[in-house]
N, C-alpha and C. Protein backbone atom coordinates (compact mmCIF):
# COMPACT_ATOMS: atom_id res chain seq x y z
N MET A 1 0.85 -1.19 0.00
CA MET A 1 0.00 0.00 0.00
C MET A 1 0.89 1.24 0.00
N GLY A 2 0.50 2.23 -0.77
CA GLY A 2 1.28 3.46 -0.83
C GLY A 2 1.01 4.34 0.38
N LYS A 3 1.40 5.58 0.24
CA LYS A 3 1.19 6.54 1.33
C LYS A 3 -0.31 6.78 1.52
N LEU A 4 -0.70 6.92 2.77
CA LEU A 4 -2.08 7.32 3.05
C LEU A 4 -2.26 8.77 2.65
N LYS A 5 -3.42 9.08 2.06
CA LYS A 5 -3.68 10.43 1.57
C LYS A 5 -4.66 11.14 2.49
N ILE A 6 -4.26 12.33 2.94
CA ILE A 6 -5.10 13.13 3.83
C ILE A 6 -5.54 14.41 3.14
N LEU A 7 -6.84 14.65 3.18
CA LEU A 7 -7.38 15.95 2.78
C LEU A 7 -7.44 16.78 4.05
N HIS A 8 -6.65 17.85 4.12
CA HIS A 8 -6.61 18.72 5.30
C HIS A 8 -7.26 20.05 4.95
N VAL A 9 -8.36 20.37 5.61
CA VAL A 9 -9.07 21.62 5.36
C VAL A 9 -8.90 22.51 6.58
N GLU A 10 -8.20 23.63 6.38
CA GLU A 10 -7.82 24.53 7.48
C GLU A 10 -7.64 25.92 6.90
N ASP A 11 -8.28 26.93 7.53
CA ASP A 11 -8.18 28.29 6.99
C ASP A 11 -6.97 29.06 7.53
N ASP A 12 -6.36 28.60 8.62
CA ASP A 12 -5.22 29.30 9.22
C ASP A 12 -3.92 28.81 8.56
N LEU A 13 -3.22 29.73 7.88
CA LEU A 13 -2.03 29.34 7.11
C LEU A 13 -0.90 28.82 8.00
N ASP A 14 -0.75 29.38 9.21
CA ASP A 14 0.29 28.89 10.12
C ASP A 14 0.02 27.44 10.51
N ILE A 15 -1.23 27.15 10.84
CA ILE A 15 -1.59 25.79 11.22
C ILE A 15 -1.42 24.86 10.02
N GLN A 16 -1.79 25.32 8.84
CA GLN A 16 -1.60 24.52 7.62
C GLN A 16 -0.14 24.10 7.48
N GLU A 17 0.74 25.09 7.62
CA GLU A 17 2.17 24.84 7.42
C GLU A 17 2.71 23.82 8.44
N ILE A 18 2.38 24.02 9.70
CA ILE A 18 2.86 23.11 10.75
C ILE A 18 2.30 21.71 10.53
N ALA A 19 1.00 21.62 10.24
CA ALA A 19 0.36 20.32 10.03
C ALA A 19 0.96 19.60 8.83
N LYS A 20 1.20 20.33 7.74
CA LYS A 20 1.76 19.71 6.52
C LYS A 20 3.14 19.13 6.80
N LEU A 21 3.99 19.90 7.47
CA LEU A 21 5.32 19.39 7.83
C LEU A 21 5.20 18.15 8.70
N SER A 22 4.35 18.22 9.69
CA SER A 22 4.15 17.11 10.61
C SER A 22 3.66 15.86 9.88
N LEU A 23 2.62 16.03 9.08
CA LEU A 23 2.00 14.88 8.41
C LEU A 23 2.90 14.27 7.34
N GLU A 24 3.61 15.11 6.59
CA GLU A 24 4.46 14.59 5.52
C GLU A 24 5.82 14.09 6.05
N MET A 25 6.49 14.92 6.84
CA MET A 25 7.85 14.58 7.28
C MET A 25 7.87 13.51 8.36
N ILE A 26 6.99 13.64 9.35
CA ILE A 26 6.98 12.69 10.46
C ILE A 26 6.06 11.51 10.15
N GLY A 27 4.88 11.82 9.59
CA GLY A 27 3.88 10.78 9.38
C GLY A 27 3.99 10.02 8.07
N GLY A 28 4.67 10.60 7.08
CA GLY A 28 4.78 9.93 5.79
C GLY A 28 3.48 9.93 4.99
N PHE A 29 2.58 10.85 5.30
CA PHE A 29 1.32 10.95 4.57
C PHE A 29 1.51 11.79 3.31
N GLU A 30 0.60 11.61 2.36
CA GLU A 30 0.49 12.53 1.22
C GLU A 30 -0.65 13.48 1.58
N VAL A 31 -0.41 14.78 1.48
CA VAL A 31 -1.38 15.76 2.00
C VAL A 31 -1.84 16.72 0.91
N LEU A 32 -3.15 16.90 0.82
CA LEU A 32 -3.73 17.97 0.01
C LEU A 32 -4.35 18.95 1.00
N GLN A 33 -3.86 20.18 0.97
CA GLN A 33 -4.41 21.19 1.87
C GLN A 33 -5.31 22.14 1.12
N CYS A 34 -6.43 22.45 1.76
CA CYS A 34 -7.38 23.40 1.21
C CYS A 34 -7.69 24.42 2.29
N ALA A 35 -7.80 25.69 1.90
CA ALA A 35 -8.03 26.76 2.86
C ALA A 35 -9.51 26.99 3.12
N SER A 36 -10.38 26.27 2.40
CA SER A 36 -11.82 26.45 2.59
C SER A 36 -12.55 25.17 2.18
N GLY A 37 -13.77 25.07 2.68
CA GLY A 37 -14.61 23.93 2.30
C GLY A 37 -14.90 23.93 0.81
N LYS A 38 -15.10 25.11 0.26
CA LYS A 38 -15.39 25.25 -1.17
C LYS A 38 -14.23 24.68 -2.01
N GLN A 39 -13.00 25.05 -1.64
CA GLN A 39 -11.82 24.54 -2.34
C GLN A 39 -11.72 23.02 -2.18
N ALA A 40 -11.99 22.53 -0.97
CA ALA A 40 -11.91 21.08 -0.72
C ALA A 40 -12.90 20.33 -1.60
N LEU A 41 -14.12 20.82 -1.69
CA LEU A 41 -15.13 20.14 -2.50
C LEU A 41 -14.77 20.16 -3.98
N ALA A 42 -14.06 21.20 -4.41
CA ALA A 42 -13.65 21.31 -5.82
C ALA A 42 -12.50 20.36 -6.15
N GLU A 43 -11.65 20.06 -5.16
CA GLU A 43 -10.42 19.31 -5.45
C GLU A 43 -10.42 17.87 -4.93
N VAL A 44 -11.37 17.52 -4.08
CA VAL A 44 -11.30 16.25 -3.37
C VAL A 44 -11.36 15.02 -4.28
N LEU A 45 -12.20 15.04 -5.31
CA LEU A 45 -12.36 13.83 -6.12
C LEU A 45 -11.10 13.49 -6.90
N ASP A 46 -10.38 14.50 -7.37
CA ASP A 46 -9.13 14.23 -8.09
C ASP A 46 -8.07 13.65 -7.15
N PHE A 47 -8.14 14.00 -5.88
CA PHE A 47 -7.14 13.57 -4.90
C PHE A 47 -7.48 12.20 -4.30
N ALA A 48 -8.75 11.89 -4.15
CA ALA A 48 -9.23 10.63 -3.57
C ALA A 48 -8.56 10.32 -2.23
N PRO A 49 -8.84 11.11 -1.18
CA PRO A 49 -8.17 10.92 0.11
C PRO A 49 -8.63 9.66 0.84
N ASP A 50 -7.75 9.18 1.72
CA ASP A 50 -8.07 8.05 2.61
C ASP A 50 -8.65 8.57 3.92
N ILE A 51 -8.36 9.84 4.24
CA ILE A 51 -8.76 10.43 5.52
C ILE A 51 -9.09 11.91 5.30
N PHE A 52 -10.12 12.38 6.01
CA PHE A 52 -10.40 13.82 6.06
C PHE A 52 -9.89 14.35 7.40
N LEU A 53 -9.17 15.46 7.38
CA LEU A 53 -8.75 16.15 8.59
C LEU A 53 -9.30 17.57 8.47
N LEU A 54 -10.33 17.87 9.27
CA LEU A 54 -11.11 19.09 9.05
C LEU A 54 -11.08 20.02 10.26
N ASP A 55 -10.77 21.28 10.01
CA ASP A 55 -10.92 22.30 11.03
C ASP A 55 -12.42 22.48 11.25
N VAL A 56 -12.81 22.83 12.47
CA VAL A 56 -14.23 23.01 12.75
C VAL A 56 -14.69 24.43 12.42
N MET A 57 -13.98 25.41 12.94
CA MET A 57 -14.42 26.80 12.77
C MET A 57 -13.70 27.46 11.59
N MET A 58 -14.45 27.65 10.51
CA MET A 58 -13.91 28.31 9.32
C MET A 58 -14.96 29.26 8.78
N PRO A 59 -14.54 30.31 8.09
CA PRO A 59 -15.52 31.21 7.47
C PRO A 59 -16.22 30.48 6.31
N GLU A 60 -17.36 30.94 5.96
CA GLU A 60 -18.17 30.43 4.84
C GLU A 60 -18.80 29.07 5.12
N MET A 61 -17.97 28.07 5.41
CA MET A 61 -18.49 26.71 5.61
C MET A 61 -17.74 26.07 6.77
N SER A 62 -18.46 25.69 7.82
CA SER A 62 -17.81 25.07 8.98
C SER A 62 -17.38 23.64 8.65
N GLY A 63 -16.54 23.08 9.49
CA GLY A 63 -16.04 21.73 9.26
C GLY A 63 -17.15 20.69 9.16
N ASP A 64 -18.17 20.81 10.01
CA ASP A 64 -19.26 19.83 9.94
C ASP A 64 -20.04 19.98 8.63
N GLU A 65 -20.19 21.20 8.12
CA GLU A 65 -20.85 21.40 6.82
C GLU A 65 -19.99 20.83 5.69
N VAL A 66 -18.68 21.02 5.80
CA VAL A 66 -17.76 20.45 4.80
C VAL A 66 -17.94 18.94 4.77
N LEU A 67 -17.96 18.32 5.96
CA LEU A 67 -18.10 16.86 6.02
C LEU A 67 -19.42 16.41 5.39
N LYS A 68 -20.51 17.09 5.72
CA LYS A 68 -21.82 16.71 5.14
C LYS A 68 -21.76 16.76 3.61
N ASN A 69 -21.11 17.79 3.06
CA ASN A 69 -21.00 17.92 1.61
C ASN A 69 -20.06 16.88 1.01
N LEU A 70 -18.97 16.58 1.70
CA LEU A 70 -18.05 15.54 1.21
C LEU A 70 -18.75 14.19 1.15
N ARG A 71 -19.59 13.91 2.13
CA ARG A 71 -20.30 12.62 2.20
C ARG A 71 -21.25 12.42 1.03
N LYS A 72 -21.64 13.50 0.37
CA LYS A 72 -22.56 13.40 -0.78
C LYS A 72 -21.83 13.01 -2.06
N LEU A 73 -20.51 13.09 -2.05
CA LEU A 73 -19.73 12.82 -3.27
C LEU A 73 -19.46 11.33 -3.42
N PRO A 74 -19.40 10.85 -4.67
CA PRO A 74 -19.21 9.42 -4.91
C PRO A 74 -17.91 8.91 -4.31
N GLY A 75 -18.01 7.79 -3.60
CA GLY A 75 -16.84 7.13 -3.05
C GLY A 75 -16.33 7.70 -1.74
N LEU A 76 -16.97 8.75 -1.22
CA LEU A 76 -16.46 9.37 0.01
C LEU A 76 -17.38 9.18 1.21
N GLN A 77 -18.40 8.36 1.06
CA GLN A 77 -19.37 8.19 2.13
C GLN A 77 -18.74 7.60 3.40
N ASN A 78 -17.73 6.76 3.23
CA ASN A 78 -17.15 6.07 4.39
C ASN A 78 -15.72 6.49 4.72
N THR A 79 -15.25 7.55 4.09
CA THR A 79 -13.88 8.03 4.37
C THR A 79 -13.82 8.50 5.83
N PRO A 80 -12.86 7.99 6.61
CA PRO A 80 -12.76 8.42 8.01
C PRO A 80 -12.52 9.92 8.12
N ALA A 81 -13.24 10.55 9.05
CA ALA A 81 -13.13 12.00 9.26
C ALA A 81 -12.62 12.27 10.67
N ILE A 82 -11.64 13.18 10.74
CA ILE A 82 -11.10 13.63 12.01
C ILE A 82 -11.23 15.14 12.04
N PHE A 83 -11.77 15.66 13.14
CA PHE A 83 -11.89 17.11 13.29
C PHE A 83 -10.76 17.63 14.17
N MET A 84 -10.32 18.85 13.87
CA MET A 84 -9.38 19.58 14.73
C MET A 84 -10.10 20.82 15.22
N THR A 85 -10.05 21.07 16.52
CA THR A 85 -10.77 22.21 17.06
C THR A 85 -10.11 22.76 18.31
N ALA A 86 -10.31 24.05 18.52
CA ALA A 86 -9.86 24.68 19.76
C ALA A 86 -10.97 24.61 20.81
N ARG A 87 -12.15 24.20 20.39
CA ARG A 87 -13.28 24.07 21.32
C ARG A 87 -13.13 22.75 22.07
N THR A 88 -12.97 22.84 23.36
CA THR A 88 -12.64 21.64 24.12
C THR A 88 -13.77 21.16 25.02
N GLN A 89 -14.94 21.73 24.90
CA GLN A 89 -16.04 21.28 25.74
C GLN A 89 -16.51 19.89 25.32
N LYS A 90 -16.75 19.07 26.33
CA LYS A 90 -17.11 17.67 26.07
C LYS A 90 -18.31 17.54 25.13
N LYS A 91 -19.33 18.39 25.33
CA LYS A 91 -20.53 18.30 24.48
C LYS A 91 -20.18 18.53 23.01
N GLU A 92 -19.31 19.49 22.75
CA GLU A 92 -18.94 19.76 21.35
C GLU A 92 -18.20 18.58 20.74
N ILE A 93 -17.33 17.95 21.52
CA ILE A 93 -16.59 16.78 21.04
C ILE A 93 -17.56 15.62 20.76
N VAL A 94 -18.51 15.42 21.68
CA VAL A 94 -19.53 14.38 21.49
C VAL A 94 -20.33 14.67 20.23
N ASP A 95 -20.72 15.93 20.02
CA ASP A 95 -21.49 16.32 18.83
C ASP A 95 -20.72 16.01 17.54
N LEU A 96 -19.42 16.31 17.54
CA LEU A 96 -18.60 16.05 16.35
C LEU A 96 -18.51 14.55 16.08
N LYS A 97 -18.39 13.77 17.14
CA LYS A 97 -18.34 12.31 16.94
C LYS A 97 -19.69 11.80 16.44
N PHE A 98 -20.77 12.40 16.92
CA PHE A 98 -22.10 12.03 16.47
C PHE A 98 -22.24 12.28 14.96
N LEU A 99 -21.59 13.34 14.47
CA LEU A 99 -21.63 13.66 13.03
C LEU A 99 -20.83 12.66 12.20
N GLY A 100 -20.07 11.80 12.86
CA GLY A 100 -19.32 10.79 12.13
C GLY A 100 -17.82 10.90 12.25
N ALA A 101 -17.32 11.77 13.10
CA ALA A 101 -15.87 11.86 13.28
C ALA A 101 -15.36 10.64 14.05
N ILE A 102 -14.25 10.08 13.61
CA ILE A 102 -13.66 8.96 14.34
C ILE A 102 -12.77 9.47 15.47
N GLU A 103 -12.37 10.75 15.38
CA GLU A 103 -11.51 11.34 16.41
C GLU A 103 -11.67 12.85 16.36
N VAL A 104 -11.40 13.48 17.51
CA VAL A 104 -11.38 14.94 17.59
C VAL A 104 -10.05 15.30 18.22
N ILE A 105 -9.22 16.03 17.47
CA ILE A 105 -7.89 16.44 17.95
C ILE A 105 -7.99 17.89 18.38
N LEU A 106 -7.53 18.16 19.59
CA LEU A 106 -7.65 19.50 20.15
C LEU A 106 -6.48 20.37 19.74
N LYS A 107 -6.79 21.64 19.47
CA LYS A 107 -5.75 22.63 19.19
C LYS A 107 -5.45 23.37 20.48
N PRO A 108 -4.24 23.78 20.73
CA PRO A 108 -3.09 23.55 19.84
C PRO A 108 -2.67 22.08 19.90
N PHE A 109 -2.35 21.52 18.75
CA PHE A 109 -1.93 20.13 18.68
C PHE A 109 -0.41 20.05 18.73
N ASP A 110 0.09 18.87 19.03
CA ASP A 110 1.53 18.65 19.07
C ASP A 110 1.97 18.08 17.72
N PRO A 111 2.77 18.84 16.94
CA PRO A 111 3.16 18.36 15.61
C PRO A 111 3.95 17.05 15.65
N MET A 112 4.59 16.77 16.78
CA MET A 112 5.38 15.54 16.87
C MET A 112 4.47 14.31 17.03
N THR A 113 3.30 14.49 17.61
CA THR A 113 2.42 13.34 17.85
C THR A 113 1.20 13.29 16.92
N LEU A 114 0.96 14.36 16.16
CA LEU A 114 -0.22 14.41 15.28
C LEU A 114 -0.32 13.19 14.36
N PRO A 115 0.75 12.80 13.65
CA PRO A 115 0.62 11.64 12.76
C PRO A 115 0.22 10.37 13.51
N ASP A 116 0.78 10.18 14.71
CA ASP A 116 0.43 8.98 15.49
C ASP A 116 -1.02 9.03 15.95
N GLN A 117 -1.50 10.23 16.30
CA GLN A 117 -2.91 10.37 16.70
C GLN A 117 -3.82 9.95 15.54
N ILE A 118 -3.46 10.34 14.33
CA ILE A 118 -4.27 10.00 13.17
C ILE A 118 -4.19 8.51 12.87
N LYS A 119 -2.97 7.96 12.88
CA LYS A 119 -2.81 6.53 12.61
C LYS A 119 -3.54 5.68 13.64
N SER A 120 -3.48 6.11 14.89
CA SER A 120 -4.17 5.40 15.96
C SER A 120 -5.68 5.46 15.76
N ALA A 121 -6.20 6.62 15.38
CA ALA A 121 -7.65 6.79 15.17
C ALA A 121 -8.16 5.89 14.04
N ILE A 122 -7.40 5.83 12.95
CA ILE A 122 -7.91 5.03 11.81
C ILE A 122 -7.71 3.54 12.00
N SER A 123 -6.85 3.15 12.95
CA SER A 123 -6.64 1.71 13.15
C SER A 123 -7.58 1.14 14.22
N MET A 124 -8.26 2.03 14.96
CA MET A 124 -9.20 1.55 15.99
C MET A 124 -10.50 1.12 15.36
N PRO A 125 -11.06 0.03 15.85
CA PRO A 125 -12.38 -0.39 15.32
C PRO A 125 -13.42 0.67 15.64
N GLN A 126 -14.24 1.00 14.66
CA GLN A 126 -15.24 2.06 14.85
C GLN A 126 -16.55 1.45 15.37
N LYS A 127 -17.19 2.22 16.22
CA LYS A 127 -18.46 1.76 16.81
C LYS A 127 -19.57 1.87 15.78
């Protein structure tokens, strides 16, 4: 199997840069980064990701709206989704998991452990 492909949707350029370095250099993932949900929806089918990594709070389209729209596209109904958020309240995390997230990673995240958090999330049996 080749490199796992991650679609990373994040509007903050600093976070994009740190996450890309972390995911590619440490994690060995192939990463497509999009700064908005609109861009992600336009580019996702050509990339065919194995995992979605979605920021929650973004202008125009929130992470949960991005996920709902991605799920409507052919072949992406079962792609594992992981949200990244600075919102740490338990109810919000539960709500994101209810929407279909397999994991919720809290910001600020640790770039050294981010790839392992993702690998661990996708290897766990889903409920």
